[in-house]
Protein backbone atom coordinates (compact mmCIF):
# COMPACT_ATOMS: atom_id res chain seq x y z
CA MET A 1 119.18 101.80 92.68
CA ASP A 2 119.90 101.77 89.13
CA CYS A 3 121.77 104.65 87.99
CA VAL A 4 119.37 104.72 84.66
CA LEU A 5 116.18 104.86 86.95
CA ALA A 6 117.76 107.44 89.07
CA TRP A 7 118.66 109.64 86.07
CA GLU A 8 114.94 109.43 84.83
CA ILE A 9 113.59 110.08 87.65
CA HIS A 10 116.17 113.47 88.05
CA GLU A 11 115.01 114.48 84.55
CA ALA A 12 110.96 113.98 85.19
CA TYR A 13 112.01 116.29 88.62
CA GLU A 14 113.58 118.95 86.40
CA ALA A 15 111.05 118.83 83.57
CA LEU A 16 108.37 119.66 86.24
CA LYS A 17 110.28 122.37 88.13
CA GLY A 18 108.97 124.49 85.37
CA ILE A 19 105.34 124.16 85.68
CA HIS A 20 104.07 127.33 86.63
CA VAL A 21 100.81 127.84 88.52
CA ARG A 22 98.29 130.98 87.72
CA GLU A 23 97.87 133.33 90.27
CA GLY A 24 94.75 134.87 90.97
CA GLN A 25 90.94 133.36 90.02
CA GLY A 26 89.70 133.78 93.26
CA LYS A 27 92.47 131.14 95.26
CA SER A 28 92.15 131.36 98.70
CA GLU A 29 95.30 132.94 100.91
CA GLU A 30 96.77 129.28 101.51
CA GLU A 31 96.22 128.11 97.71
CA GLU A 32 98.03 131.54 96.74
CA GLN A 33 101.06 130.78 99.21
CA VAL A 34 101.27 127.39 97.44
CA ALA A 35 101.09 129.08 94.31
CA ALA A 36 103.82 131.40 95.19
CA ARG A 37 106.35 128.43 95.76
CA GLY A 38 105.18 126.80 92.80
CA PRO A 39 103.49 123.35 92.40
CA VAL A 40 104.75 120.12 94.27
CA PRO A 41 104.98 117.45 91.97
CA VAL A 42 102.60 114.37 92.77
CA ALA A 43 104.02 110.78 92.10
CA LEU A 44 102.02 107.67 92.38
CA VAL A 45 104.43 104.13 92.61
CA THR A 46 102.33 101.06 92.56
CA GLY A 47 103.38 98.16 94.39
CA ALA A 48 105.31 99.90 96.47
CA ASN A 49 105.16 98.46 99.99
CA ARG A 50 108.40 96.65 99.79
CA GLY A 51 111.67 96.40 97.49
CA ILE A 52 112.36 98.78 94.49
CA GLY A 53 109.07 100.30 95.00
CA VAL A 54 109.85 101.64 98.48
CA GLU A 55 113.14 102.64 96.85
CA VAL A 56 111.76 104.82 94.10
CA CYS A 57 109.44 106.35 96.72
CA ARG A 58 112.28 107.30 98.63
CA GLN A 59 113.97 108.78 95.88
CA LEU A 60 111.39 110.90 94.93
CA GLY A 61 110.33 112.00 98.27
CA LYS A 62 114.09 113.15 98.10
CA LEU A 63 113.61 114.97 95.34
CA GLY A 64 110.48 117.03 96.74
CA PHE A 65 107.41 115.06 95.38
CA THR A 66 104.82 114.31 97.31
CA VAL A 67 104.56 110.63 96.97
CA LEU A 68 101.69 108.24 97.09
CA LEU A 69 102.41 104.71 98.03
CA GLY A 70 100.24 102.63 96.23
CA SER A 71 99.64 99.03 98.06
CA ARG A 72 97.24 96.15 97.39
CA ASP A 73 97.66 95.46 101.32
CA LEU A 74 97.09 99.00 103.12
CA GLY A 75 98.52 97.53 105.94
CA LYS A 76 101.60 96.40 104.73
CA GLY A 77 101.63 100.23 102.90
CA GLN A 78 101.31 102.30 105.93
CA ARG A 79 104.12 100.41 107.57
CA ALA A 80 106.28 101.26 104.39
CA ALA A 81 105.31 104.44 104.49
CA GLN A 82 105.89 104.67 108.49
CA GLU A 83 109.49 104.14 107.89
CA LEU A 84 109.59 106.88 105.10
CA VAL A 85 107.86 109.29 106.69
CA LYS A 86 110.71 109.11 109.63
CA GLU A 87 113.10 110.05 106.90
CA GLY A 88 111.14 113.62 106.69
CA LEU A 89 109.91 112.53 103.27
CA ASN A 90 106.20 113.66 102.34
CA ILE A 91 104.64 109.70 101.97
CA SER A 92 101.17 108.94 101.91
CA PRO A 93 100.04 105.47 101.65
CA ARG A 94 97.30 104.75 99.61
CA GLU A 95 95.25 101.34 99.00
CA LEU A 96 95.63 100.50 95.20
CA ASP A 97 94.88 96.85 93.99
CA ILE A 98 95.60 97.22 89.72
CA THR A 99 93.54 94.15 89.14
CA ASN A 100 90.28 95.67 90.71
CA GLN A 101 88.65 98.31 88.54
CA GLN A 102 86.68 99.70 91.54
CA SER A 103 89.77 100.35 93.67
CA ILE A 104 91.97 102.09 90.52
CA ASP A 105 88.50 104.42 90.43
CA ASP A 106 88.14 104.84 94.19
CA LEU A 107 92.31 106.03 94.16
CA ARG A 108 92.09 108.27 90.65
CA ASN A 109 89.07 110.09 92.52
CA SER A 110 90.59 110.72 95.65
CA VAL A 111 93.79 112.10 93.99
CA GLU A 112 91.62 114.48 91.54
CA SER A 113 90.07 115.73 94.71
CA GLU A 114 92.55 115.71 96.71
CA PHE A 115 95.68 117.23 94.14
CA ARG A 116 93.85 117.95 90.68
CA VAL A 117 96.55 116.54 88.91
CA LEU A 118 99.09 113.55 88.92
CA HIS A 119 102.91 114.38 87.59
CA VAL A 120 104.13 110.80 87.57
CA LEU A 121 103.15 107.17 87.71
CA ILE A 122 105.39 104.54 88.07
CA ASN A 123 103.93 101.07 87.71
CA ASN A 124 105.73 98.66 89.73
CA ALA A 125 102.99 96.62 90.50
CA GLY A 126 102.95 93.27 89.73
CA ILE A 127 103.03 89.37 90.62
CA LEU A 128 106.07 88.58 92.55
CA TYR A 129 105.95 85.58 94.75
CA ASP A 130 108.46 84.55 97.46
CA THR A 131 110.66 81.50 96.75
CA TRP A 132 108.85 79.49 99.42
CA GLN A 133 105.74 79.82 97.03
CA SER A 134 104.45 78.54 94.14
CA ALA A 135 102.94 80.84 91.49
CA MET A 136 99.67 79.92 92.18
CA GLU A 137 99.41 80.59 95.46
CA ALA A 138 101.08 83.89 95.56
CA ILE A 139 98.11 85.29 93.53
């Protein structure tokens, strides 16, 4: 992994450690326990079912992030996440096609209801075709 990217991930993590959750305000016992530990930062990595995306997920997971592994093909995302979970990381595969507004909206709504906040977004999605494909076939 590129040293600059690793440093930027580390810097983001250090900044997020300073976030404090307000106590009280009618929270459940479980929410109080989470608040006492401090917030667990949540990151979304798009295009993360292979290559650099998988490695970014791994590095964020090792720093203690809850990582949402975004993948256009949910099956491929699940397989990639499964390998990272075996390493003891908190990785959750999510279907995300950045060319489809409904897919984006669905994930945004899911993140809002489940986590209430997204601390880090790494947009790794793009069109990368394998050498045996032409650009038109890769889409």
